[in-house]
Every structure is written in C-alpha cells, then in structure tokens.
Amino acid sequence: MRKPPFAITLDVGSSLANRTGSWRTMRPVYAEHLPPCNNQCPAGEDIQGWLFHAESGDYRIAWEKLMEENPLPAVMGRVCYHSCESVCNRARLDQPVSIHAVERFLGDLAIREGWRVPVGAVHSDKKVLVIGAGPSGLAAAYHLTRLGHRVDLVDAGPKPGGMMRFGIPKYRLPREVLDAEVQRILDLGVTLTLDTKVEDIPKAMEDGGYDACFAAIGAHLAKRVEIPAVSAGRIMDAVSVLRSMETADEPPKLGRRVVVYGGGNTAIDVARTAKRLGAEEALIVYRRTRAMMPAHAFEVEEALEEGVVMRWLSTIRTMDEGTLTVERMVLGPDGWPQPTGELEAIEGDTLILALGQEVDTSVITGVPGVSVTKDHTIAVGPDFQTGYPGLFCGGDMVPAERTVTVAVGHGKKAARHIDAYLRGTRYEPAPKHALATFERLNSWYYTDAPRTVQPVLDDLRRRTTFGEVTGGLDETNALFEARRCLSCGNCFECDNCFGVCPDNAVVKLGPGNRFRFNYDFCKGCGLCAAECPCGAIDMVEEAI
C-alpha cells in the first residue's frame, strides 16, 4: 500500500511533534538597527536608548543613559540645533519627536534633584591638561575623569563655559543652567584654573607632568571687513558685544538704530540682543537671500517675531555719521549675488559686524609637528591627535561645523582616544548597525500623536527682558513626547512576534531580555518580521 504524503499524516500539535523547522528556507533573526536620530547626532548619543527609559517613566535611568555620552543635557536641550529631529522617522507619520525638549526635561530634572554620576573607573596615575573650558574642553574633562584620569582644566576667560557663556545670550541659555552643569563636572574632581592663558603647550606639559593635552580653544576672534567710516567707534563686532554682556559692569550702549551685517546665528543673536537693550530698530543686512542664510530657520522666525528687520541681497559700502550706504544685489546666472550699482542710504547709529569667528591658534602653531589647514584650523588625525605626541585638539580648533553639539562630540571622542593613548592601546569604535529606515517599520501599529508644543514667553517680555524665550515641558508632556518615539530598529517587547507566530516558535525571555526563536519549530513563514512594528527582525536565507 502506497504511503500517503507526509503532510497528510501530521497529527494535531504536529509542529512540536515533527520539528517543522526542517521545512524552513528563510530564518528570522532578531537584529538591532541604527535609529536615524542616533546616526545623525554629532555628540553620539544613544537617543533611542534614553528615550526608551524616559517613556517608561524611569527618568533617572534615562538621564544616566544620556550622561554616558553627553555631560550637558540641560544645555544641549536648549542650544542644540537638533539635526536628529530632521531625520526622525516619525516625521513620515505626523511630526518628528521633540527630542531636544525631552532631553531638556531630563537635564532640568537632574539639576533640581541634584543627581550626580560616579567616576566609574579605577583611578590611574595619568594626568591630562585640557586647555579651554568651553563645550569641547568640558566634555573631554568629564569623560577623561570618568575613565579614571586626573584632569586639570585651564581657561583664559574669567568664567567657564566658553562660547556657551560668551556667545549665546541668556534668553536662549540661562546662566544658572550652564553653571549647574559645569559645576557637576567639576565636582567629579576636575581642577579648574581661570584667567590663565597657556603660552607654550610643550613647556606646560613638561612642567606640570602631564601625560597628554587636549586643546579646545573657542572661536573668540571676530572676522573683520574694511568699511570706510567717519567714526570707527560706531563699528563694533558681534563677538565683543555678546561677550561684554557677560563681562562688562553695564551693557554696551548701541544707540537707537542698530544695523547688523551678517547672516549667521551670531547675527541673529546680536540683533535680538540689541532689541532687548532698547534699540528701537534692529536691522540685519545680508548679501544673499534668506534661503542662503546660514542662520537656522527657527532663529530667523523668532527674530522676526521680536521685530528684527531683515534686508536680504544687500551689502554695506560705507558708513557716515548716522547713515550707511547699502548696495542692492541680484542673483547672477550662477545663483550667487552680483552687485548692481544701485545705492541707498539707511539710518544707523551703530554697525555691528557678524561675519564669522576665528580661533587664536598662535599658542599651537609653533609646536613641532603641528600643521595648520587652509582655513586656519589645526590638522588632526581620526584620533584627534596632532603631529606632536600626546597633543590632541578638538572643537572650534579643527575643521568641523562650529556648534555646541559638535564640540561636545569632539570632547567625548578625543577623551576615548586619549584614554587609549595613555594605556598604550588604540580606541576602535564599535561598528555601526545597518540603518533603521522608515520602510522597515510597520507604521499601521502607530497612532497619530501630534508633537508637543513648548511654551513661549509673551511678546512684550521677549522684546524687553532677557528672560528665557522657550519654556520646558512638564512631566506629563515630556512623558507623552517620549512615548511618540517609534523605537526604530530596536525591539521594545510589544509581543507581536510572540502573538502572531503560528508555530509557538517565539520564546519570551522575561522583561528586558526580549525574545529568542526556537528554530526546531520555526518554518520561516516571516509573519513575525512582517508584523514587527519597529523592524527589529530580519529574514535571512537559511544555510544548508
């Protein structure tokens, strides 16, 4: 008698009895993919990781996870331009997660609660000199200390913070917030010396017995342009104006009509500052179009809301007493501004130049083995080390975008390379996972949830005081915002795979431990991968 086909002979419960995994041609594999926000962050934060804890209400754990990479969350939640949000997959559903707002909430909560982080590592016998107490130097000091090394932090300014203090106005970054996060770094055991300029780095390293040095001097020097003027005193630079807000006994007198020449974030900041100092008119003159402005769009909008006037496609030719001569520009065939010869007089008591900043590299250019690039920055290798052994550089001193977030990232990365240098090894970053693209997500499982709007100071107080313009989220809103995260590419234990598997081949490993597949019974049908909301399961070809 002919035997019936195998499938017909299977009994009830046959997946377990007959080990149906032998039918499989494709195998599901739990895999971690790199969320686009993590991939984009210049500071290298595990954004999805700390959001996961925040959405569970575990704020202390979320903050500690955040502090593994970034020692200034309350600062960064305010001044970072959050490029992570520009690539957030959630934007394809409704709006990106307000990552910076949740980060700020965690940072502010930590300040209120007095949370501290431990050093963590066993103390080594190595000493590191860090020059510059700006975001990069502070980050390097923080991470080097937590790695077990002794750090001496030296700054030429009267207060720590660098351009965070002397370049970012109080209405964006309250000084009590900056002071609190700087103090937490110093409390780890970092020694800070202010009003001290290092003139000879090799000598300072030798005299102090330092095993390595990290130089992170900020871009405090303003670029200049020659503009004929009757009264040179009427021309100021934006860096000096903003710095004087922190160091002078009284704020600068800018006059009734202030003209700012430039199109970057510093130009926006100084124009908004002028309005708060009582200027009736604050006009920004920029030689290109609004779309070409390097200033971030949201800062331009905030300035316009506060009464700052923008004049695009214009350039300043001369300045007389109370009058500036402006030439109108047009875009040429190549898309760049061209002069027209059309001149116009505009009123202005003070002209403030905001044409960019440079770093004073004189302290380092004479060091043997150090090379200077064409844009007057210091050439470093992938490990941030110069040609002089043990001398590393980061922040504004090296070729990179000049933002607080980039500087913090430099400090962290340099610290890890310095640690390896001190231990006689090499630091090799872990390889990155494949990117968690939107196409991997099963968006059907996610409901619409509009982005939380942060409160804003009323218009009158914005124009007349230095009160913080943008407020923070309360706990309810921060929790809601954290829960908008899609957990792209990383399992959050929703149990979908466990529920849809027809062969009971998914094994739960307990809270926080995720799942595993029992391949004796998994037929490779792919239902688990198809129904995974966050795209954390790959289907790979079975090896025979």
Protein backbone atom coordinates (compact mmCIF):
# COMPACT_ATOMS: atom_id res chain seq x y z
CA MET A 1 0.00 0.00 0.00
CA ARG A 2 1.31 3.41 -1.05
CA LYS A 3 2.27 5.68 1.84
CA PRO A 4 0.30 9.00 1.96
CA PRO A 5 2.21 12.27 1.63
CA PHE A 6 3.99 13.33 4.80
CA ALA A 7 1.83 16.43 5.36
CA ILE A 8 -1.36 14.36 5.42
CA THR A 9 -0.01 12.15 8.17
CA LEU A 10 0.68 15.01 10.60
CA ASP A 11 -1.28 14.84 13.83
CA VAL A 12 -2.77 17.72 15.82
CA GLY A 13 0.07 19.63 17.50
CA SER A 14 2.39 18.38 14.80
CA SER A 15 4.70 21.45 14.84
CA LEU A 16 6.08 20.27 18.16
CA ALA A 17 5.93 16.60 17.33
CA ASN A 18 7.54 16.77 13.90
CA ARG A 19 10.06 19.64 14.32
CA THR A 20 8.72 21.62 11.38
CA GLY A 21 11.76 23.88 11.38
CA SER A 22 13.26 21.44 8.90
CA TRP A 23 10.93 22.89 6.22
CA ARG A 24 12.48 26.33 6.52
CA THR A 25 14.30 28.15 3.68
CA MET A 26 14.37 31.56 5.41
CA ARG A 27 15.18 32.17 9.06
CA PRO A 28 14.03 35.11 11.23
CA VAL A 29 16.76 36.79 13.25
CA TYR A 30 16.37 39.42 15.94
CA ALA A 31 18.62 42.30 14.94
CA GLU A 32 19.36 45.78 16.20
CA HIS A 33 19.31 48.50 13.58
CA LEU A 34 20.68 52.02 14.00
CA PRO A 35 17.93 54.62 14.53
CA PRO A 36 18.43 57.61 12.21
CA CYS A 37 18.42 60.01 15.18
CA ASN A 38 21.35 58.17 16.77
CA ASN A 39 23.17 58.11 13.46
CA GLN A 40 22.72 61.85 12.98
CA CYS A 41 23.67 63.06 16.48
CA PRO A 42 27.10 64.81 16.41
CA ALA A 43 27.51 64.05 20.12
CA GLY A 44 26.94 60.34 19.50
CA GLU A 45 24.03 60.00 21.91
CA ASP A 46 22.00 56.78 22.09
CA ILE A 47 18.82 58.80 21.70
CA GLN A 48 16.52 55.83 21.21
CA GLY A 49 18.12 54.19 24.25
CA TRP A 50 17.43 57.01 26.70
CA LEU A 51 14.01 57.74 25.21
CA PHE A 52 13.08 54.10 25.90
CA HIS A 53 13.69 54.62 29.63
CA ALA A 54 12.04 58.05 29.62
CA GLU A 55 8.84 56.70 28.07
CA SER A 56 8.68 54.17 30.89
CA GLY A 57 8.91 56.99 33.43
CA ASP A 58 12.37 55.83 34.53
CA TYR A 59 13.79 59.35 34.33
CA ARG A 60 16.88 58.77 36.48
CA ILE A 61 17.91 55.79 34.36
CA ALA A 62 17.17 57.75 31.17
CA TRP A 63 19.35 60.63 32.41
CA GLU A 64 22.18 58.28 33.35
CA LYS A 65 22.00 56.70 29.89
CA LEU A 66 22.14 60.18 28.36
CA MET A 67 25.09 61.16 30.58
CA GLU A 68 27.13 58.27 29.22
CA GLU A 69 27.66 60.33 26.08
CA ASN A 70 26.75 63.95 26.91
CA PRO A 71 27.50 65.74 30.21
CA LEU A 72 25.42 68.84 29.33
CA PRO A 73 21.84 67.68 28.64
CA ALA A 74 20.09 70.76 30.06
CA VAL A 75 22.34 72.99 27.95
CA MET A 76 22.05 70.87 24.81
CA GLY A 77 18.29 70.62 25.17
CA ARG A 78 18.26 74.40 24.73
CA VAL A 79 21.03 75.30 22.28
CA CYS A 80 21.47 72.19 20.12
CA TYR A 81 20.00 72.64 16.65
CA HIS A 82 18.64 69.08 16.94
CA SER A 83 19.52 67.78 13.49
CA CYS A 84 18.43 64.40 14.88
CA GLU A 85 14.83 65.56 14.51
CA SER A 86 15.34 66.35 10.82
CA VAL A 87 15.86 62.63 10.12
CA CYS A 88 13.31 61.24 12.62
CA ASN A 89 11.16 58.53 11.00
CA ARG A 90 8.17 59.78 12.96
CA ALA A 91 8.06 62.79 10.60
CA ARG A 92 6.78 60.45 7.88
CA LEU A 93 3.71 59.76 10.04
CA ASP A 94 2.99 63.21 11.50
CA GLN A 95 5.82 65.21 13.08
CA PRO A 96 9.27 64.31 14.44
CA VAL A 97 9.73 63.52 18.10
CA SER A 98 10.76 66.65 20.04
CA ILE A 99 13.97 65.01 21.19
CA HIS A 100 15.58 68.22 22.42
CA ALA A 101 12.57 69.02 24.62
CA VAL A 102 12.72 65.63 26.38
CA GLU A 103 16.49 65.97 26.76
CA ARG A 104 15.99 69.39 28.34
CA PHE A 105 13.35 67.97 30.69
CA LEU A 106 15.76 65.28 31.89
CA GLY A 107 18.59 67.80 32.28
CA ASP A 108 16.46 70.25 34.25
CA LEU A 109 15.07 67.45 36.42
CA ALA A 110 18.59 66.29 37.24
CA ILE A 111 19.56 69.82 38.30
CA ARG A 112 16.50 70.16 40.54
CA GLU A 113 17.04 66.73 42.12
CA GLY A 114 20.81 67.14 42.47
CA TRP A 115 21.61 63.94 40.58
CA ARG A 116 25.28 63.03 40.25
CA VAL A 117 27.25 60.49 38.24
CA PRO A 118 30.07 58.36 39.64
CA VAL A 119 33.61 58.47 38.30
CA GLY A 120 33.22 54.80 37.40
CA ALA A 121 36.79 53.73 36.62
CA VAL A 122 39.72 52.92 38.87
CA HIS A 123 41.96 55.97 39.23
CA SER A 124 45.03 55.85 37.00
CA ASP A 125 48.32 57.63 37.62
CA LYS A 126 47.94 59.68 34.42
CA LYS A 127 47.42 63.45 34.22
CA VAL A 128 45.84 65.33 31.32
CA LEU A 129 45.91 69.07 30.65
CA VAL A 130 42.75 70.41 28.99
CA ILE A 131 43.01 73.92 27.53
CA GLY A 132 39.67 75.67 27.09
CA ALA A 133 36.61 75.36 29.33
CA GLY A 134 34.09 75.52 26.50
CA PRO A 135 31.80 72.63 25.49
CA SER A 136 34.59 70.53 23.97
CA GLY A 137 37.03 71.00 26.85
CA LEU A 138 34.33 70.38 29.46
CA ALA A 139 33.20 67.20 27.69
CA ALA A 140 36.78 65.94 27.43
CA ALA A 141 37.43 66.68 31.10
CA TYR A 142 34.21 64.90 32.09
CA HIS A 143 34.90 61.73 30.12
CA LEU A 144 38.61 61.57 30.97
CA THR A 145 37.77 61.88 34.68
CA ARG A 146 35.15 59.13 34.44
CA LEU A 147 37.76 56.99 32.69
CA GLY A 148 39.96 57.34 35.77
CA HIS A 149 42.44 60.07 34.84
CA ARG A 150 43.29 63.29 36.66
CA VAL A 151 42.33 66.38 34.69
CA ASP A 152 43.45 70.00 35.04
CA LEU A 153 41.21 72.37 33.08
CA VAL A 154 42.67 75.77 32.20
CA ASP A 155 40.83 78.70 30.57
CA ALA A 156 41.87 82.23 29.66
CA GLY A 157 38.42 83.64 30.46
CA PRO A 158 37.02 84.84 33.78
CA LYS A 159 34.29 82.16 33.85
CA PRO A 160 33.92 78.65 32.41
CA GLY A 161 31.63 77.83 29.51
CA GLY A 162 33.45 79.32 26.54
CA MET A 163 31.16 80.40 23.71
CA MET A 164 28.19 78.91 25.56
CA ARG A 165 28.59 81.77 28.02
CA PHE A 166 30.17 84.48 25.88
CA GLY A 167 28.41 83.79 22.57
CA ILE A 168 24.91 82.54 23.42
CA PRO A 169 22.56 85.11 25.01
CA LYS A 170 20.79 84.47 28.29
CA TYR A 171 17.38 84.37 26.63
CA ARG A 172 18.47 81.12 24.97
CA LEU A 173 20.65 79.73 27.75
CA PRO A 174 20.04 80.88 31.35
CA ARG A 175 23.34 81.11 33.18
CA GLU A 176 22.10 79.20 36.23
CA VAL A 177 21.55 76.17 33.98
CA LEU A 178 25.03 76.43 32.49
CA ASP A 179 26.62 76.95 35.91
CA ALA A 180 24.86 73.92 37.38
CA GLU A 181 26.03 71.55 34.66
CA VAL A 182 29.58 72.91 34.70
CA GLN A 183 29.72 72.51 38.48
CA ARG A 184 28.59 68.89 38.25
CA ILE A 185 31.61 68.20 36.01
CA LEU A 186 33.96 69.97 38.40
CA ASP A 187 32.50 68.01 41.32
CA LEU A 188 33.90 64.83 39.76
CA GLY A 189 37.34 66.09 40.74
CA VAL A 190 38.30 68.25 37.75
CA THR A 191 40.59 71.14 38.75
CA LEU A 192 39.65 74.43 37.05
CA THR A 193 42.01 77.41 36.67
CA LEU A 194 40.58 80.60 35.13
CA ASP A 195 42.15 83.81 33.79
CA THR A 196 45.17 81.81 32.70
CA LYS A 197 46.45 81.66 29.13
CA VAL A 198 48.79 78.83 28.20
CA GLU A 199 51.56 80.34 26.08
CA ASP A 200 53.76 77.29 25.50
CA ILE A 201 51.99 73.92 25.39
CA PRO A 202 55.05 71.60 25.36
CA LYS A 203 56.55 73.52 28.29
CA ALA A 204 53.24 73.46 30.18
CA MET A 205 53.01 69.70 29.66
CA GLU A 206 56.56 69.15 30.85
CA ASP A 207 56.36 71.50 33.85
CA GLY A 208 53.03 70.08 35.01
CA GLY A 209 53.99 66.45 34.47
CA TYR A 210 51.10 65.91 32.06
CA ASP A 211 50.93 62.74 30.02
CA ALA A 212 48.63 64.25 27.38
CA CYS A 213 46.97 67.52 26.45
CA PHE A 214 43.65 68.32 24.79
CA ALA A 215 43.41 71.84 23.34
CA ALA A 216 39.91 73.17 22.62
CA ILE A 217 40.20 76.93 22.29
CA GLY A 218 36.97 78.51 21.05
CA ALA A 219 36.48 80.83 18.09
CA HIS A 220 36.51 84.09 20.04
CA LEU A 221 38.11 86.29 17.37
CA ALA A 222 35.74 88.17 15.07
CA LYS A 223 36.39 88.33 11.34
CA ARG A 224 36.69 91.88 10.08
CA VAL A 225 35.91 93.65 6.83
CA GLU A 226 37.05 97.11 5.79
CA ILE A 227 34.12 99.54 5.66
CA PRO A 228 35.03 103.22 5.25
CA ALA A 229 33.57 105.12 8.18
CA VAL A 230 33.75 108.64 9.58
CA SER A 231 33.63 107.36 13.15
CA ALA A 232 35.30 104.00 13.67
CA GLY A 233 33.81 103.88 17.15
CA ARG A 234 30.43 103.33 15.59
CA ILE A 235 31.56 99.96 14.22
CA MET A 236 31.62 97.02 16.63
CA ASP A 237 31.89 93.26 16.27
CA ALA A 238 29.19 90.86 17.39
CA VAL A 239 31.53 88.67 19.44
CA SER A 240 32.66 91.65 21.53
CA VAL A 241 29.09 92.86 22.02
CA LEU A 242 27.89 89.45 23.23
CA ARG A 243 30.97 88.97 25.39
CA SER A 244 30.51 92.37 27.03
CA MET A 245 27.05 91.25 28.14
CA GLU A 246 28.86 88.81 30.47
CA THR A 247 31.99 90.71 31.44
CA ALA A 248 31.19 94.44 31.48
CA ASP A 249 29.80 96.22 34.53
CA GLU A 250 26.96 97.53 32.39
CA PRO A 251 25.64 96.52 28.97
CA PRO A 252 27.02 98.22 25.84
CA LYS A 253 25.31 101.34 24.52
CA LEU A 254 24.29 100.56 20.97
CA GLY A 255 22.06 103.52 20.16
CA ARG A 256 18.54 103.79 18.86
CA ARG A 257 19.14 102.35 15.40
CA VAL A 258 21.35 99.26 15.15
CA VAL A 259 22.44 97.63 11.90
CA VAL A 260 23.91 94.10 11.94
CA TYR A 261 25.96 92.93 8.96
CA GLY A 262 25.90 89.16 8.50
CA GLY A 263 23.56 86.19 8.15
CA GLY A 264 24.60 83.60 10.70
CA ASN A 265 23.22 82.66 14.09
CA THR A 266 25.52 85.19 15.77
CA ALA A 267 24.00 87.96 13.65
CA ILE A 268 20.54 86.87 14.78
CA ASP A 269 21.62 86.69 18.42
CA VAL A 270 23.19 90.15 18.47
CA ALA A 271 20.21 91.75 16.68
CA ARG A 272 17.80 90.23 19.20
CA THR A 273 20.10 91.37 22.00
CA ALA A 274 20.05 94.92 20.61
CA LYS A 275 16.25 94.96 20.75
CA ARG A 276 16.37 93.87 24.39
CA LEU A 277 18.87 96.63 25.16
CA GLY A 278 16.37 99.23 23.99
CA ALA A 279 17.13 99.71 20.30
CA GLU A 280 14.04 100.93 18.51
CA GLU A 281 15.28 99.49 15.24
CA ALA A 282 17.44 96.39 14.69
CA LEU A 283 18.15 95.71 11.02
CA ILE A 284 20.09 92.73 9.66
CA VAL A 285 21.78 93.34 6.29
CA TYR A 286 22.79 90.20 4.41
CA ARG A 287 24.26 90.00 0.93
CA ARG A 288 22.47 86.79 -0.06
CA THR A 289 18.87 85.53 0.07
CA ARG A 290 17.01 84.23 3.08
CA ALA A 291 17.32 80.66 1.77
CA MET A 292 21.11 81.11 1.71
CA MET A 293 21.36 82.37 5.28
CA PRO A 294 23.47 80.05 7.45
CA ALA A 295 21.28 81.01 10.43
CA HIS A 296 18.76 78.36 11.38
CA ALA A 297 15.23 78.97 10.15
CA PHE A 298 13.61 78.87 13.59
CA GLU A 299 16.01 81.54 14.89
CA VAL A 300 15.20 83.77 11.93
CA GLU A 301 11.48 83.35 12.63
CA GLU A 302 11.93 84.17 16.32
CA ALA A 303 13.88 87.31 15.41
CA LEU A 304 11.16 88.44 13.00
CA GLU A 305 8.54 87.86 15.71
CA GLU A 306 10.52 90.17 18.01
CA GLY A 307 10.61 93.00 15.49
CA VAL A 308 14.05 92.47 13.94
CA VAL A 309 14.00 93.59 10.29
CA MET A 310 15.83 91.64 7.59
CA ARG A 311 17.27 93.16 4.42
CA TRP A 312 18.45 90.44 2.06
CA LEU A 313 20.51 90.81 -1.14
CA SER A 314 22.23 93.91 0.22
CA THR A 315 25.78 94.81 1.09
CA ILE A 316 27.21 97.72 3.09
CA ARG A 317 29.64 100.00 1.26
CA THR A 318 30.30 102.95 3.61
CA MET A 319 29.23 104.36 6.95
CA ASP A 320 28.98 108.03 7.82
CA GLU A 321 27.65 109.68 10.96
CA GLY A 322 24.22 108.09 11.45
CA THR A 323 23.97 106.86 7.83
CA LEU A 324 25.06 103.72 5.97
CA THR A 325 25.29 103.33 2.21
CA VAL A 326 23.89 100.00 1.06
CA GLU A 327 24.22 98.48 -2.42
CA ARG A 328 21.46 96.28 -3.79
CA MET A 329 22.50 92.84 -5.07
CA VAL A 330 20.87 90.43 -7.51
CA LEU A 331 21.41 86.76 -8.12
CA GLY A 332 23.55 86.12 -11.18
CA PRO A 333 23.26 83.22 -13.65
CA ASP A 334 25.40 81.11 -11.32
CA GLY A 335 22.97 81.67 -8.44
CA TRP A 336 25.36 83.91 -6.48
CA PRO A 337 24.82 87.60 -5.63
CA GLN A 338 26.13 90.19 -8.05
CA PRO A 339 26.40 93.97 -7.41
CA THR A 340 24.01 96.25 -9.24
CA GLY A 341 25.47 99.66 -8.55
CA GLU A 342 22.15 100.76 -7.04
CA LEU A 343 22.92 102.56 -3.79
CA GLU A 344 20.62 103.55 -0.96
CA ALA A 345 21.15 105.35 2.34
CA ILE A 346 19.76 103.84 5.53
CA GLU A 347 19.88 105.21 9.05
CA GLY A 348 22.05 103.54 11.68
CA ASP A 349 23.74 104.70 14.87
CA THR A 350 25.85 101.56 15.29
CA LEU A 351 27.07 98.95 12.82
CA ILE A 352 27.75 95.51 14.29
CA LEU A 353 29.80 93.11 12.18
CA ALA A 354 28.75 89.47 12.45
CA LEU A 355 30.81 87.94 9.67
CA GLY A 356 32.09 84.85 11.45
CA GLN A 357 34.71 83.97 14.03
CA GLU A 358 38.21 82.57 14.03
CA VAL A 359 40.36 80.75 16.58
CA ASP A 360 43.55 82.21 18.02
CA THR A 361 45.86 79.33 17.11
CA SER A 362 49.08 81.18 17.96
CA VAL A 363 49.53 79.04 21.07
CA ILE A 364 49.77 75.87 18.99
CA THR A 365 51.07 76.76 15.52
CA GLY A 366 54.66 76.84 16.74
CA VAL A 367 54.53 73.41 18.35
CA PRO A 368 56.74 70.91 16.47
CA GLY A 369 54.75 68.60 14.20
CA VAL A 370 51.54 70.68 14.27
CA SER A 371 50.06 71.54 10.88
CA VAL A 372 47.62 74.34 10.06
CA THR A 373 44.95 73.91 7.39
CA LYS A 374 43.95 76.42 4.69
CA ASP A 375 41.04 77.66 6.83
CA HIS A 376 43.41 78.39 9.74
CA THR A 377 42.40 75.37 11.83
CA ILE A 378 44.60 72.59 13.18
CA ALA A 379 45.06 69.38 11.22
CA VAL A 380 44.38 66.27 13.30
CA GLY A 381 44.04 62.56 12.59
CA PRO A 382 40.95 60.42 13.11
CA ASP A 383 42.01 60.13 16.75
CA PHE A 384 42.13 63.97 17.12
CA GLN A 385 45.89 63.81 17.71
CA THR A 386 48.21 66.37 16.12
CA GLY A 387 51.70 65.62 14.87
CA TYR A 388 53.06 66.36 18.34
CA PRO A 389 52.91 63.20 20.52
CA GLY A 390 50.24 63.42 23.20
CA LEU A 391 48.73 66.67 21.92
CA PHE A 392 45.11 66.39 20.81
CA CYS A 393 42.76 69.11 19.52
CA GLY A 394 39.01 69.46 19.03
CA GLY A 395 36.07 71.83 18.94
CA ASP A 396 36.47 75.07 17.01
CA MET A 397 40.20 74.41 16.56
CA VAL A 398 39.72 71.64 14.00
CA PRO A 399 37.88 71.56 10.66
CA ALA A 400 34.22 70.95 11.51
CA GLU A 401 30.87 72.64 11.94
CA ARG A 402 31.05 75.03 14.89
CA THR A 403 28.18 74.10 17.18
CA VAL A 404 27.95 73.12 20.83
CA THR A 405 26.83 69.62 19.89
CA VAL A 406 29.75 69.01 17.54
CA ALA A 407 32.16 70.35 20.17
CA VAL A 408 30.75 68.05 22.86
CA GLY A 409 31.11 65.12 20.47
CA HIS A 410 34.74 66.05 19.80
CA GLY A 411 35.48 66.18 23.51
CA LYS A 412 34.00 62.75 24.10
CA LYS A 413 35.71 61.09 21.13
CA ALA A 414 39.04 62.72 21.92
CA ALA A 415 38.78 61.56 25.55
CA ARG A 416 38.37 57.96 24.46
CA HIS A 417 41.36 58.21 22.11
CA ILE A 418 43.43 59.92 24.82
CA ASP A 419 42.49 57.18 27.28
CA ALA A 420 43.69 54.56 24.80
CA TYR A 421 46.88 56.56 24.17
CA LEU A 422 47.59 56.70 27.90
CA ARG A 423 47.05 52.98 28.23
CA GLY A 424 49.21 52.13 25.22
CA THR A 425 46.33 50.80 23.13
CA ARG A 426 44.12 52.04 20.30
CA TYR A 427 40.48 53.00 20.60
CA GLU A 428 38.32 51.39 17.93
CA PRO A 429 34.67 52.49 17.90
CA ALA A 430 32.18 49.65 17.67
CA PRO A 431 30.93 49.08 14.12
CA LYS A 432 27.57 50.66 13.37
CA HIS A 433 24.47 48.60 12.70
CA ALA A 434 22.53 48.98 9.47
CA LEU A 435 20.25 52.00 9.39
CA ALA A 436 16.63 51.59 10.53
CA THR A 437 14.82 53.10 7.57
CA PHE A 438 11.15 54.07 7.56
CA GLU A 439 10.42 51.31 5.05
CA ARG A 440 11.34 48.72 7.69
CA LEU A 441 8.66 49.96 10.08
CA ASN A 442 5.10 48.66 10.26
CA SER A 443 3.51 52.08 10.71
CA TRP A 444 -0.02 50.62 10.91
CA TYR A 445 0.59 49.90 14.59
CA TYR A 446 1.36 53.52 15.50
CA THR A 447 -1.42 56.02 16.15
CA ASP A 448 -1.29 59.71 15.27
CA ALA A 449 0.15 61.79 18.10
CA PRO A 450 0.82 65.46 17.39
CA ARG A 451 4.13 66.87 18.57
CA THR A 452 4.06 68.66 21.93
CA VAL A 453 4.44 72.43 21.69
CA GLN A 454 6.80 74.10 24.14
CA PRO A 455 5.53 77.25 25.90
CA VAL A 456 6.88 80.61 24.74
CA LEU A 457 7.42 83.83 26.70
CA ASP A 458 4.90 86.56 25.94
CA ASP A 459 5.82 89.08 23.24
CA LEU A 460 6.39 92.12 25.45
CA ARG A 461 8.78 90.33 27.81
CA ARG A 462 10.63 88.81 24.85
CA ARG A 463 11.38 92.27 23.48
CA THR A 464 12.29 93.94 26.77
CA THR A 465 13.93 91.33 29.02
CA PHE A 466 16.47 88.54 28.82
CA GLY A 467 14.00 86.01 30.22
CA GLU A 468 14.22 82.58 28.59
CA VAL A 469 12.10 82.66 25.43
CA THR A 470 11.25 78.96 25.14
CA GLY A 471 9.98 77.08 28.17
CA GLY A 472 10.37 73.42 29.02
CA LEU A 473 7.89 70.55 29.14
CA ASP A 474 6.27 69.40 32.37
CA GLU A 475 6.36 65.72 33.30
CA THR A 476 3.06 64.87 31.63
CA ASN A 477 4.06 66.42 28.32
CA ALA A 478 7.59 65.04 28.44
CA LEU A 479 6.26 61.54 29.06
CA PHE A 480 3.82 61.88 26.16
CA GLU A 481 6.57 63.16 23.88
CA ALA A 482 8.95 60.35 24.82
CA ARG A 483 6.23 57.83 24.04
CA ARG A 484 5.95 59.20 20.50
CA CYS A 485 9.29 57.51 19.75
CA LEU A 486 8.87 54.60 17.31
CA SER A 487 11.90 52.72 18.70
CA CYS A 488 13.16 52.37 15.14
CA GLY A 489 15.04 49.13 14.58
CA ASN A 490 15.12 48.08 18.24
CA CYS A 491 12.76 45.64 19.95
CA PHE A 492 10.63 47.17 22.69
CA GLU A 493 8.92 43.89 23.65
CA CYS A 494 5.49 44.59 22.22
CA ASP A 495 4.84 40.79 22.00
CA ASN A 496 3.66 40.99 18.38
CA CYS A 497 6.06 38.31 17.21
CA PHE A 498 5.05 36.12 20.13
CA GLY A 499 1.36 36.57 19.35
CA VAL A 500 1.39 36.03 15.58
CA CYS A 501 3.76 33.05 15.37
CA PRO A 502 1.68 30.05 14.16
CA ASP A 503 4.21 27.56 15.49
CA ASN A 504 4.81 28.90 19.00
CA ALA A 505 8.45 29.25 17.98
CA VAL A 506 8.96 32.58 19.76
CA VAL A 507 10.22 32.24 23.31
CA LYS A 508 9.84 35.10 25.80
CA LEU A 509 12.94 35.63 27.91
CA GLY A 510 11.41 37.92 30.54
CA PRO A 511 11.12 41.69 30.93
CA GLY A 512 14.12 43.48 29.47
CA ASN A 513 15.54 40.34 27.89
CA ARG A 514 13.42 40.32 24.73
CA PHE A 515 12.87 37.01 22.85
CA ARG A 516 14.55 34.17 21.04
CA PHE A 517 13.45 31.83 18.26
CA ASN A 518 13.15 28.09 18.66
CA TYR A 519 14.40 27.07 15.24
CA ASP A 520 13.36 23.43 15.71
CA PHE A 521 9.79 24.54 15.03
CA CYS A 522 10.06 27.87 13.15
CA LYS A 523 9.04 27.28 9.50
CA GLY A 524 10.36 30.67 8.37
CA CYS A 525 6.95 31.96 7.33
CA GLY A 526 8.01 35.58 8.02
CA LEU A 527 4.86 36.64 9.86
CA CYS A 528 6.92 37.86 12.80
CA ALA A 529 9.08 40.10 10.60
CA ALA A 530 6.06 41.41 8.69
CA GLU A 531 4.20 42.31 11.88
CA CYS A 532 7.13 43.74 13.87
CA PRO A 533 6.26 47.44 14.35
CA CYS A 534 9.84 48.66 14.68
CA GLY A 535 11.58 46.48 12.08
CA ALA A 536 13.72 44.58 14.57
CA ILE A 537 13.51 41.20 12.79
CA ASP A 538 15.48 40.27 9.65
CA MET A 539 14.63 37.36 7.38
CA VAL A 540 17.88 35.77 6.21
CA GLU A 541 18.48 32.87 3.87
CA GLU A 542 18.82 29.56 5.68
CA ALA A 543 22.28 28.00 5.49
CA ILE A 544 22.18 24.37 4.43
